[in-house]
C-alpha atoms as a PDB file:
ATOM      1  CA  MET A   1      -0.070   0.023  -0.004  1.00  0.00           C
ATOM      2  CA  ARG A   2       1.185   3.387  -1.142  1.00  0.00           C
ATOM      3  CA  PRO A   3       1.735   5.973   1.848  1.00  0.00           C
ATOM      4  CA  ALA A   4      -0.768   8.716   2.007  1.00  0.00           C
ATOM      5  CA  MET A   5       0.350  12.060   0.414  1.00  0.00           C
ATOM      6  CA  THR A   6       0.679  14.950   2.486  1.00  0.00           C
ATOM      7  CA  SER A   7      -1.333  17.692   1.324  1.00  0.00           C
ATOM      8  CA  PRO A   8       0.308  21.276   0.728  1.00  0.00           C
ATOM      9  CA  ILE A   9      -1.907  22.764   3.316  1.00  0.00           C
ATOM     10  CA  HIS A  10      -0.587  20.281   5.825  1.00  0.00           C
ATOM     11  CA  THR A  11       2.859  21.100   4.948  1.00  0.00           C
ATOM     12  CA  LEU A  12       2.158  24.948   5.527  1.00  0.00           C
ATOM     13  CA  GLU A  13       0.462  24.165   8.818  1.00  0.00           C
ATOM     14  CA  GLN A  14       3.561  22.337   9.920  1.00  0.00           C
ATOM     15  CA  HIS A  15       5.671  25.218   8.944  1.00  0.00           C
ATOM     16  CA  LEU A  16       3.494  27.685  10.946  1.00  0.00           C
ATOM     17  CA  LEU A  17       3.363  25.646  13.894  1.00  0.00           C
ATOM     18  CA  THR A  18       7.159  25.660  14.119  1.00  0.00           C
ATOM     19  CA  ALA A  19       7.289  29.290  13.213  1.00  0.00           C
ATOM     20  CA  LEU A  20       4.883  30.313  15.945  1.00  0.00           C
ATOM     21  CA  ASP A  21       6.584  28.322  18.719  1.00  0.00           C
ATOM     22  CA  PRO A  22       7.352  31.059  19.893  1.00  0.00           C
ATOM     23  CA  ALA A  23       6.043  33.679  17.739  1.00  0.00           C
ATOM     24  CA  PRO A  24       8.631  36.222  16.686  1.00  0.00           C
ATOM     25  CA  VAL A  25       9.142  39.288  18.997  1.00  0.00           C
ATOM     26  CA  GLU A  26       9.057  41.592  15.712  1.00  0.00           C
ATOM     27  CA  THR A  27       7.328  41.384  12.230  1.00  0.00           C
ATOM     28  CA  ARG A  28       8.588  38.622  10.054  1.00  0.00           C
ATOM     29  CA  ARG A  29       7.891  36.541   6.941  1.00  0.00           C
ATOM     30  CA  LEU A  30       6.801  32.907   8.463  1.00  0.00           C
ATOM     31  CA  PHE A  31       6.231  31.399   5.147  1.00  0.00           C
ATOM     32  CA  HIS A  32       7.623  32.135   1.612  1.00  0.00           C
ATOM     33  CA  GLY A  33       5.812  30.084  -0.831  1.00  0.00           C
ATOM     34  CA  ARG A  34       6.812  32.312  -3.668  1.00  0.00           C
ATOM     35  CA  GLY A  35      10.291  31.038  -3.451  1.00  0.00           C
ATOM     36  CA  ARG A  36       9.004  27.804  -5.290  1.00  0.00           C
ATOM     37  CA  CYS A  37      10.596  25.551  -2.395  1.00  0.00           C
ATOM     38  CA  TRP A  38       7.225  23.820  -1.582  1.00  0.00           C
ATOM     39  CA  PRO A  39       5.100  22.453  -4.437  1.00  0.00           C
ATOM     40  CA  GLY A  40       1.482  23.645  -4.336  1.00  0.00           C
ATOM     41  CA  LEU A  41       2.215  26.404  -2.187  1.00  0.00           C
ATOM     42  CA  GLU A  42       3.881  28.678  -4.507  1.00  0.00           C
ATOM     43  CA  GLN A  43       0.997  31.124  -4.451  1.00  0.00           C
ATOM     44  CA  ILE A  44       0.920  31.716  -0.677  1.00  0.00           C
ATOM     45  CA  THR A  45       2.969  33.774   1.624  1.00  0.00           C
ATOM     46  CA  VAL A  46       2.370  34.261   5.499  1.00  0.00           C
ATOM     47  CA  ASP A  47       3.618  37.177   7.440  1.00  0.00           C
ATOM     48  CA  TRP A  48       3.616  37.836  11.393  1.00  0.00           C
ATOM     49  CA  LEU A  49       2.670  41.571  11.654  1.00  0.00           C
ATOM     50  CA  ASP A  50       3.076  41.746  15.455  1.00  0.00           C
ATOM     51  CA  GLY A  51      -0.060  39.772  16.557  1.00  0.00           C
ATOM     52  CA  VAL A  52      -1.766  39.676  13.171  1.00  0.00           C
ATOM     53  CA  LEU A  53      -1.147  36.816  11.055  1.00  0.00           C
ATOM     54  CA  LEU A  54      -1.542  37.800   7.281  1.00  0.00           C
ATOM     55  CA  VAL A  55      -1.979  35.291   4.849  1.00  0.00           C
ATOM     56  CA  ALA A  56      -1.653  36.285   1.241  1.00  0.00           C
ATOM     57  CA  LEU A  57      -2.779  34.556  -1.979  1.00  0.00           C
ATOM     58  CA  PHE A  58      -1.234  35.652  -5.200  1.00  0.00           C
ATOM     59  CA  ARG A  59      -3.289  33.269  -7.343  1.00  0.00           C
ATOM     60  CA  GLU A  60      -6.733  31.659  -7.170  1.00  0.00           C
ATOM     61  CA  PRO A  61      -6.121  28.294  -5.258  1.00  0.00           C
ATOM     62  CA  PRO A  62      -7.028  25.330  -7.003  1.00  0.00           C
ATOM     63  CA  ASP A  63     -10.552  23.576  -6.253  1.00  0.00           C
ATOM     64  CA  GLY A  64     -10.807  22.808  -2.594  1.00  0.00           C
ATOM     65  CA  GLN A  65      -7.753  24.312  -1.184  1.00  0.00           C
ATOM     66  CA  LEU A  66      -9.042  27.597  -0.071  1.00  0.00           C
ATOM     67  CA  ALA A  67     -11.516  25.832   2.089  1.00  0.00           C
ATOM     68  CA  GLU A  68      -8.903  23.627   3.181  1.00  0.00           C
ATOM     69  CA  LEU A  69      -6.823  26.718   4.159  1.00  0.00           C
ATOM     70  CA  GLU A  70      -9.225  28.302   6.143  1.00  0.00           C
ATOM     71  CA  ALA A  71     -10.211  25.480   8.128  1.00  0.00           C
ATOM     72  CA  MET A  72      -6.551  24.941   9.025  1.00  0.00           C
ATOM     73  CA  LEU A  73      -5.950  28.729   9.848  1.00  0.00           C
ATOM     74  CA  HIS A  74      -9.139  28.400  12.191  1.00  0.00           C
ATOM     75  CA  ALA A  75      -7.763  25.233  13.672  1.00  0.00           C
ATOM     76  CA  LEU A  76      -4.239  26.989  14.167  1.00  0.00           C
ATOM     77  CA  ALA A  77      -5.847  29.519  16.312  1.00  0.00           C
ATOM     78  CA  GLU A  78      -6.988  26.921  18.732  1.00  0.00           C
ATOM     79  CA  ARG A  79      -3.507  25.524  19.004  1.00  0.00           C
ATOM     80  CA  PRO A  80      -1.288  26.253  22.193  1.00  0.00           C
ATOM     81  CA  GLN A  81       1.275  27.913  19.906  1.00  0.00           C
ATOM     82  CA  TRP A  82      -0.938  30.515  18.906  1.00  0.00           C
ATOM     83  CA  SER A  83      -0.541  33.836  20.674  1.00  0.00           C
ATOM     84  CA  GLY A  84      -1.828  36.263  18.002  1.00  0.00           C
ATOM     85  CA  GLN A  85      -5.057  38.664  18.058  1.00  0.00           C
ATOM     86  CA  ALA A  86      -6.309  38.160  14.330  1.00  0.00           C
ATOM     87  CA  ILE A  87      -5.852  36.127  11.126  1.00  0.00           C
ATOM     88  CA  LEU A  88      -6.262  37.979   7.876  1.00  0.00           C
ATOM     89  CA  LEU A  89      -6.681  36.285   4.387  1.00  0.00           C
ATOM     90  CA  GLN A  90      -5.851  38.572   1.599  1.00  0.00           C
ATOM     91  CA  HIS A  91      -6.735  37.729  -1.871  1.00  0.00           C
ATOM     92  CA  ARG A  92      -4.000  39.348  -3.965  1.00  0.00           C
ATOM     93  CA  TYR A  93      -5.255  37.890  -7.236  1.00  0.00           C
ATOM     94  CA  LEU A  94      -8.431  39.895  -7.281  1.00  0.00           C
ATOM     95  CA  PRO A  95      -8.992  43.591  -8.203  1.00  0.00           C
ATOM     96  CA  ASP A  96      -8.293  45.989  -5.005  1.00  0.00           C
ATOM     97  CA  SER A  97      -6.663  42.904  -3.222  1.00  0.00           C
ATOM     98  CA  PRO A  98      -9.432  42.491  -0.719  1.00  0.00           C
ATOM     99  CA  GLY A  99      -9.024  41.298   2.829  1.00  0.00           C
ATOM    100  CA  GLN A 100     -10.885  38.597   4.637  1.00  0.00           C
ATOM    101  CA  TRP A 101     -10.733  38.550   8.451  1.00  0.00           C
ATOM    102  CA  LEU A 102     -10.947  34.996   9.580  1.00  0.00           C
ATOM    103  CA  LEU A 103     -10.258  35.910  13.118  1.00  0.00           C
ATOM    104  CA  GLY A 104     -10.094  39.003  15.420  1.00  0.00           C
ATOM    105  CA  GLU A 105     -11.565  42.567  15.067  1.00  0.00           C
ATOM    106  CA  PRO A 106     -10.975  43.926  11.550  1.00  0.00           C
ATOM    107  CA  CYS A 107      -8.562  46.890  11.472  1.00  0.00           C
ATOM    108  CA  GLN A 108      -7.154  48.813   8.685  1.00  0.00           C
ATOM    109  CA  GLN A 109      -3.728  49.775  10.161  1.00  0.00           C
ATOM    110  CA  ARG A 110      -1.201  47.990  12.299  1.00  0.00           C
ATOM    111  CA  GLU A 111       2.030  49.354  13.919  1.00  0.00           C
ATOM    112  CA  VAL A 112       4.679  46.923  13.662  1.00  0.00           C
ATOM    113  CA  ILE A 113       8.423  46.714  14.592  1.00  0.00           C
ATOM    114  CA  GLU A 114      11.546  45.677  12.592  1.00  0.00           C
ATOM    115  CA  ASP A 115      15.045  46.154  13.993  1.00  0.00           C
ATOM    116  CA  GLY A 116      13.638  48.104  16.833  1.00  0.00           C
ATOM    117  CA  LEU A 117      12.024  50.711  14.425  1.00  0.00           C
ATOM    118  CA  LYS A 118       8.338  51.290  13.993  1.00  0.00           C
ATOM    119  CA  TYR A 119       6.409  51.209  10.816  1.00  0.00           C
ATOM    120  CA  LEU A 120       2.599  51.759  10.205  1.00  0.00           C
ATOM    121  CA  LEU A 121       1.155  49.117   8.012  1.00  0.00           C
ATOM    122  CA  ASP A 122      -2.220  48.882   5.900  1.00  0.00           C
ATOM    123  CA  LEU A 123      -4.184  45.767   6.570  1.00  0.00           C
ATOM    124  CA  GLY A 124      -6.203  44.308   3.631  1.00  0.00           C
ATOM    125  CA  VAL A 125      -7.286  47.672   1.935  1.00  0.00           C
ATOM    126  CA  ARG A 126      -4.341  47.989  -0.526  1.00  0.00           C
ATOM    127  CA  GLN A 127      -2.153  45.517  -2.543  1.00  0.00           C
ATOM    128  CA  ASN A 128       0.966  46.277  -0.629  1.00  0.00           C
ATOM    129  CA  ASN A 129       0.928  46.873   3.248  1.00  0.00           C
ATOM    130  CA  GLY A 130       3.765  49.466   3.329  1.00  0.00           C
ATOM    131  CA  LEU A 131       6.926  47.600   4.128  1.00  0.00           C
ATOM    132  CA  PHE A 132       8.551  44.831   2.038  1.00  0.00           C
ATOM    133  CA  LEU A 133       9.855  42.378   4.493  1.00  0.00           C
ATOM    134  CA  ASP A 134      12.456  40.830   2.104  1.00  0.00           C
ATOM    135  CA  MET A 135      14.413  44.090   2.254  1.00  0.00           C
ATOM    136  CA  ARG A 136      15.024  43.764   6.097  1.00  0.00           C
ATOM    137  CA  TYR A 137      18.728  43.215   5.539  1.00  0.00           C
ATOM    138  CA  GLY A 138      18.848  46.159   3.110  1.00  0.00           C
ATOM    139  CA  ARG A 139      17.362  48.415   5.632  1.00  0.00           C
ATOM    140  CA  ARG A 140      19.731  47.181   8.259  1.00  0.00           C
ATOM    141  CA  TRP A 141      22.719  47.833   5.934  1.00  0.00           C
ATOM    142  CA  VAL A 142      21.560  51.364   5.174  1.00  0.00           C
ATOM    143  CA  ARG A 143      21.345  52.186   9.078  1.00  0.00           C
ATOM    144  CA  GLU A 144      24.951  50.623   9.533  1.00  0.00           C
ATOM    145  CA  GLN A 145      26.217  52.902   6.709  1.00  0.00           C
ATOM    146  CA  ALA A 146      24.337  56.034   7.173  1.00  0.00           C
ATOM    147  CA  ALA A 147      26.107  57.892  10.076  1.00  0.00           C
ATOM    148  CA  GLY A 148      26.906  61.593   8.766  1.00  0.00           C
ATOM    149  CA  LYS A 149      25.875  61.068   5.374  1.00  0.00           C
ATOM    150  CA  ARG A 150      23.488  62.890   2.716  1.00  0.00           C
ATOM    151  CA  VAL A 151      21.231  60.095   1.487  1.00  0.00           C
ATOM    152  CA  LEU A 152      18.858  60.093  -1.497  1.00  0.00           C
ATOM    153  CA  ASN A 153      16.087  57.506  -1.417  1.00  0.00           C
ATOM    154  CA  LEU A 154      14.710  56.757  -4.900  1.00  0.00           C
ATOM    155  CA  PHE A 155      11.355  55.279  -5.389  1.00  0.00           C
ATOM    156  CA  ALA A 156      10.921  55.849  -1.503  1.00  0.00           C
ATOM    157  CA  TYR A 157       7.503  54.477  -1.187  1.00  0.00           C
ATOM    158  CA  THR A 158       6.738  54.712   2.606  1.00  0.00           C
ATOM    159  CA  CYS A 159      10.243  55.761   3.398  1.00  0.00           C
ATOM    160  CA  GLY A 160      11.554  52.534   5.108  1.00  0.00           C
ATOM    161  CA  PHE A 161      15.049  53.255   4.019  1.00  0.00           C
ATOM    162  CA  SER A 162      14.736  56.713   5.305  1.00  0.00           C
ATOM    163  CA  VAL A 163      13.786  55.704   8.548  1.00  0.00           C
ATOM    164  CA  ALA A 164      16.656  53.489   8.899  1.00  0.00           C
ATOM    165  CA  ALA A 165      18.970  56.101   7.684  1.00  0.00           C
ATOM    166  CA  ILE A 166      17.940  58.474  10.039  1.00  0.00           C
ATOM    167  CA  ALA A 167      18.068  55.963  12.985  1.00  0.00           C
ATOM    168  CA  GLY A 168      21.652  55.458  11.794  1.00  0.00           C
ATOM    169  CA  GLY A 169      22.568  58.927  12.045  1.00  0.00           C
ATOM    170  CA  ALA A 170      22.342  60.275   8.641  1.00  0.00           C
ATOM    171  CA  GLN A 171      22.723  64.042   8.253  1.00  0.00           C
ATOM    172  CA  GLN A 172      19.832  64.429   5.640  1.00  0.00           C
ATOM    173  CA  VAL A 173      17.710  62.093   3.768  1.00  0.00           C
ATOM    174  CA  VAL A 174      15.893  63.083   0.412  1.00  0.00           C
ATOM    175  CA  ASN A 175      12.915  60.826  -0.346  1.00  0.00           C
ATOM    176  CA  LEU A 176      11.453  60.806  -4.137  1.00  0.00           C
ATOM    177  CA  ASP A 177       8.321  59.024  -5.017  1.00  0.00           C
ATOM    178  CA  MET A 178       5.537  60.055  -7.470  1.00  0.00           C
ATOM    179  CA  ALA A 179       2.946  58.575  -5.106  1.00  0.00           C
ATOM    180  CA  LYS A 180       2.355  61.573  -2.628  1.00  0.00           C
ATOM    181  CA  SER A 181       0.095  59.300  -0.243  1.00  0.00           C
ATOM    182  CA  ALA A 182       3.213  56.780   0.102  1.00  0.00           C
ATOM    183  CA  LEU A 183       5.439  59.812   1.216  1.00  0.00           C
ATOM    184  CA  SER A 184       2.683  60.671   3.651  1.00  0.00           C
ATOM    185  CA  ARG A 185       2.791  57.404   5.223  1.00  0.00           C
ATOM    186  CA  GLY A 186       6.707  58.078   5.204  1.00  0.00           C
ATOM    187  CA  ARG A 187       6.159  61.028   7.424  1.00  0.00           C
ATOM    188  CA  GLU A 188       4.026  59.206   9.744  1.00  0.00           C
ATOM    189  CA  ASN A 189       6.846  56.557  10.021  1.00  0.00           C
ATOM    190  CA  HIS A 190       9.314  59.128  10.888  1.00  0.00           C
ATOM    191  CA  ARG A 191       7.121  60.777  13.371  1.00  0.00           C
ATOM    192  CA  LEU A 192       6.469  57.217  14.957  1.00  0.00           C
ATOM    193  CA  ASN A 193      10.203  56.866  15.629  1.00  0.00           C
ATOM    194  CA  GLY A 194      10.601  60.407  16.891  1.00  0.00           C
ATOM    195  CA  HIS A 195      12.972  61.504  14.314  1.00  0.00           C
ATOM    196  CA  ASP A 196      13.893  65.150  13.507  1.00  0.00           C
ATOM    197  CA  ALA A 197      11.443  66.347  10.721  1.00  0.00           C
ATOM    198  CA  SER A 198      14.158  68.950   9.451  1.00  0.00           C
ATOM    199  CA  CYS A 199      16.489  66.127   8.387  1.00  0.00           C
ATOM    200  CA  VAL A 200      14.039  64.489   6.062  1.00  0.00           C
ATOM    201  CA  ALA A 201      13.005  66.077   2.569  1.00  0.00           C
ATOM    202  CA  TYR A 202      10.144  64.690   0.377  1.00  0.00           C
ATOM    203  CA  LEU A 203       9.771  65.041  -3.444  1.00  0.00           C
ATOM    204  CA  GLY A 204       6.431  63.840  -4.741  1.00  0.00           C
ATOM    205  CA  HIS A 205       7.472  63.734  -8.307  1.00  0.00           C
ATOM    206  CA  GLU A 206       8.119  61.603 -11.149  1.00  0.00           C
ATOM    207  CA  LEU A 207      11.938  61.026 -11.220  1.00  0.00           C
ATOM    208  CA  PHE A 208      12.545  61.530 -15.031  1.00  0.00           C
ATOM    209  CA  LYS A 209      11.108  65.045 -14.859  1.00  0.00           C
ATOM    210  CA  SER A 210      12.796  65.994 -11.687  1.00  0.00           C
ATOM    211  CA  TRP A 211      16.346  65.646 -12.013  1.00  0.00           C
ATOM    212  CA  GLY A 212      16.923  69.475 -11.358  1.00  0.00           C
ATOM    213  CA  LYS A 213      15.086  69.119  -7.998  1.00  0.00           C
ATOM    214  CA  VAL A 214      17.070  65.980  -7.050  1.00  0.00           C
ATOM    215  CA  ARG A 215      20.594  67.627  -7.823  1.00  0.00           C
ATOM    216  CA  LYS A 216      19.556  70.680  -5.774  1.00  0.00           C
ATOM    217  CA  TYR A 217      19.814  68.626  -2.528  1.00  0.00           C
ATOM    218  CA  GLY A 218      23.047  66.827  -3.624  1.00  0.00           C
ATOM    219  CA  PRO A 219      25.844  65.602  -3.652  1.00  0.00           C
ATOM    220  CA  TYR A 220      25.019  62.459  -2.062  1.00  0.00           C
ATOM    221  CA  ASP A 221      27.049  60.217   0.044  1.00  0.00           C
ATOM    222  CA  LEU A 222      24.676  57.387  -0.366  1.00  0.00           C
ATOM    223  CA  ILE A 223      22.117  56.725  -3.166  1.00  0.00           C
ATOM    224  CA  ILE A 224      19.370  54.010  -2.772  1.00  0.00           C
ATOM    225  CA  ILE A 225      17.407  52.861  -5.837  1.00  0.00           C
ATOM    226  CA  ASP A 226      14.716  50.269  -5.305  1.00  0.00           C
ATOM    227  CA  PRO A 227      12.192  50.677  -8.173  1.00  0.00           C
ATOM    228  CA  PRO A 228       9.205  48.730  -9.031  1.00  0.00           C
ATOM    229  CA  THR A 229       9.437  46.286 -11.945  1.00  0.00           C
ATOM    230  CA  PHE A 230       6.783  48.181 -13.777  1.00  0.00           C
ATOM    231  CA  GLN A 231       4.791  51.256 -12.993  1.00  0.00           C
ATOM    232  CA  ARG A 232       2.367  52.214 -15.547  1.00  0.00           C
ATOM    233  CA  GLY A 233       3.238  55.349 -17.484  1.00  0.00           C
ATOM    234  CA  SER A 234       6.365  56.115 -15.893  1.00  0.00           C
ATOM    235  CA  PHE A 235       8.747  53.241 -15.223  1.00  0.00           C
ATOM    236  CA  VAL A 236       9.703  49.898 -16.905  1.00  0.00           C
ATOM    237  CA  LEU A 237      12.552  48.391 -15.133  1.00  0.00           C
ATOM    238  CA  THR A 238      14.410  46.785 -18.261  1.00  0.00           C
ATOM    239  CA  GLN A 239      13.867  50.187 -20.238  1.00  0.00           C
ATOM    240  CA  ASP A 240      14.377  52.906 -17.616  1.00  0.00           C
ATOM    241  CA  TYR A 241      16.865  51.690 -15.094  1.00  0.00           C
ATOM    242  CA  ALA A 242      19.796  52.448 -17.424  1.00  0.00           C
ATOM    243  CA  LYS A 243      18.685  56.148 -17.395  1.00  0.00           C
ATOM    244  CA  ILE A 244      19.265  56.427 -13.596  1.00  0.00           C
ATOM    245  CA  LEU A 245      22.441  54.689 -13.683  1.00  0.00           C
ATOM    246  CA  ARG A 246      24.053  57.092 -15.959  1.00  0.00           C
ATOM    247  CA  ARG A 247      22.965  60.049 -13.891  1.00  0.00           C
ATOM    248  CA  LEU A 248      24.918  58.634 -10.716  1.00  0.00           C
ATOM    249  CA  PRO A 249      28.362  60.109 -11.248  1.00  0.00           C
ATOM    250  CA  GLU A 250      26.882  63.733 -11.131  1.00  0.00           C
ATOM    251  CA  LEU A 251      24.745  63.074  -8.184  1.00  0.00           C
ATOM    252  CA  LEU A 252      27.390  61.282  -6.052  1.00  0.00           C
ATOM    253  CA  SER A 253      30.024  62.840  -3.807  1.00  0.00           C
ATOM    254  CA  GLU A 254      33.518  61.521  -4.107  1.00  0.00           C
ATOM    255  CA  GLY A 255      33.537  57.970  -2.944  1.00  0.00           C
ATOM    256  CA  GLY A 256      30.009  57.810  -2.689  1.00  0.00           C
ATOM    257  CA  THR A 257      27.836  54.606  -2.443  1.00  0.00           C
ATOM    258  CA  VAL A 258      24.903  53.121  -4.192  1.00  0.00           C
ATOM    259  CA  LEU A 259      22.668  50.337  -3.337  1.00  0.00           C
ATOM    260  CA  ALA A 260      20.868  49.250  -6.403  1.00  0.00           C
ATOM    261  CA  CYS A 261      17.804  46.779  -6.351  1.00  0.00           C
ATOM    262  CA  VAL A 262      15.896  44.524  -8.390  1.00  0.00           C
ATOM    263  CA  ASN A 263      12.875  42.452  -7.210  1.00  0.00           C
ATOM    264  CA  ASP A 264      12.023  40.589 -10.386  1.00  0.00           C
ATOM    265  CA  PRO A 265      12.673  36.833 -10.097  1.00  0.00           C
ATOM    266  CA  ALA A 266      13.366  36.665 -13.785  1.00  0.00           C
ATOM    267  CA  ILE A 267      16.189  39.259 -13.647  1.00  0.00           C
ATOM    268  CA  GLY A 268      19.488  38.298 -12.312  1.00  0.00           C
ATOM    269  CA  PRO A 269      22.267  40.414 -10.641  1.00  0.00           C
ATOM    270  CA  GLU A 270      24.339  40.727 -13.854  1.00  0.00           C
ATOM    271  CA  PHE A 271      21.628  43.185 -15.252  1.00  0.00           C
ATOM    272  CA  LEU A 272      22.790  45.761 -12.585  1.00  0.00           C
ATOM    273  CA  ILE A 273      26.545  44.770 -12.692  1.00  0.00           C
ATOM    274  CA  ASP A 274      26.588  45.010 -16.600  1.00  0.00           C
ATOM    275  CA  GLY A 275      24.341  48.097 -16.615  1.00  0.00           C
ATOM    276  CA  MET A 276      26.497  49.978 -14.186  1.00  0.00           C
ATOM    277  CA  ALA A 277      29.743  49.022 -16.140  1.00  0.00           C
ATOM    278  CA  GLN A 278      28.069  50.455 -19.384  1.00  0.00           C
ATOM    279  CA  GLN A 279      26.236  53.556 -17.930  1.00  0.00           C
ATOM    280  CA  ALA A 280      28.580  54.514 -14.985  1.00  0.00           C
ATOM    281  CA  PRO A 281      31.931  52.820 -15.154  1.00  0.00           C
ATOM    282  CA  GLN A 282      33.405  55.130 -12.371  1.00  0.00           C
ATOM    283  CA  LEU A 283      31.159  52.809  -9.988  1.00  0.00           C
ATOM    284  CA  ALA A 284      32.689  49.436  -9.080  1.00  0.00           C
ATOM    285  CA  PHE A 285      30.705  46.480  -7.929  1.00  0.00           C
ATOM    286  CA  VAL A 286      31.249  45.790  -4.129  1.00  0.00           C
ATOM    287  CA  GLN A 287      28.997  43.164  -2.991  1.00  0.00           C
ATOM    288  CA  ARG A 288      25.529  41.680  -3.131  1.00  0.00           C
ATOM    289  CA  LEU A 289      23.643  41.939   0.167  1.00  0.00           C
ATOM    290  CA  GLU A 290      22.290  38.587   1.564  1.00  0.00           C
ATOM    291  CA  ASN A 291      18.620  38.041   1.792  1.00  0.00           C
ATOM    292  CA  PRO A 292      16.843  37.092   5.149  1.00  0.00           C
ATOM    293  CA  PRO A 293      16.881  33.430   5.689  1.00  0.00           C
ATOM    294  CA  GLU A 294      12.803  33.411   5.926  1.00  0.00           C
ATOM    295  CA  PHE A 295      13.000  34.037   2.154  1.00  0.00           C
ATOM    296  CA  PRO A 296      14.282  30.826   0.495  1.00  0.00           C
ATOM    297  CA  ASP A 297      14.271  30.634  -3.195  1.00  0.00           C
ATOM    298  CA  ALA A 298      14.649  27.498  -5.233  1.00  0.00           C
ATOM    299  CA  ASP A 299      16.721  29.766  -7.751  1.00  0.00           C
ATOM    300  CA  PRO A 300      19.617  31.598  -5.769  1.00  0.00           C
ATOM    301  CA  GLN A 301      19.496  34.267  -8.439  1.00  0.00           C
ATOM    302  CA  GLY A 302      15.642  34.390  -8.212  1.00  0.00           C
ATOM    303  CA  GLY A 303      15.284  36.470  -4.789  1.00  0.00           C
ATOM    304  CA  LEU A 304      15.686  40.079  -4.279  1.00  0.00           C
ATOM    305  CA  LYS A 305      18.965  41.501  -5.544  1.00  0.00           C
ATOM    306  CA  ALA A 306      20.441  44.385  -3.592  1.00  0.00           C
ATOM    307  CA  LEU A 307      23.797  45.282  -4.924  1.00  0.00           C
ATOM    308  CA  VAL A 308      26.275  47.943  -3.398  1.00  0.00           C
ATOM    309  CA  PHE A 309      28.549  50.019  -5.758  1.00  0.00           C
ATOM    310  CA  ARG A 310      31.184  52.579  -4.818  1.00  0.00           C
ATOM    311  CA  GLN A 311      32.318  55.437  -6.818  1.00  0.00           C
ATOM    312  CA  GLN A 312      36.163  55.225  -7.433  1.00  0.00           C
ATOM    313  CA  GLY A 313      38.456  58.066  -7.101  1.00  0.00           C
END
């Protein structure tokens, strides 16, 4: 007789029981199915948001799996390992990414902590909650590098890098993002951490129409580039990244550093290394930052690429 096959949802349950025993003391990814390490779970991620378990579905589950998943999550909340207050199931594959509260009181915002810093997140009301957890080591690296530096944060979103930089003693951070609502959340994040508002500037503009404004605050000792893969009408990574790279030498101070990122699994680190060599050969590749261990990927080149470059004398 053949042994019974373990269902993907049972596999997920075992991961969550281990990850919640005990629960993390700060916000963390608990399960990263999108790394394609567990067959049948490629469309699922699970995050611990300081008491809220956020389960995100990036594709419609196969027949029967959604009901099995919901039943497992309800049962999880009855286990002795469970110490949370709420469970939110977010259907990222549907328009507007609706959230479904399986447990606890619905709430639209949640304050979380990462590396001792506070961030305000949205729960089940937007596609993204306001903090990309795979960039945890990147924010930590910026915090370690930032003392006394002038920092430019391109595609700043909710200013996570900016919060880390000011916490690390940056002299000033300039955040640029065309989404003014995201920058407003960035201001809230700085306020949550008690940061000096005079050290932080916000440019709510499209980058390619705003080089003059960006240069006005320079030169910069550290530039962070963390763009979306695609932003309708304003940015296509494979076409537009080169336009940024070629501007770097005129924006950087002598010996300045760049953290350049790509989050598309289909694009490897050579895209940035070769692109920098072509567009800004004065900048030498230094290192690729490691990704947090909670983001395993079947393809080592498939995860987040966060590469450090330094301007040569």
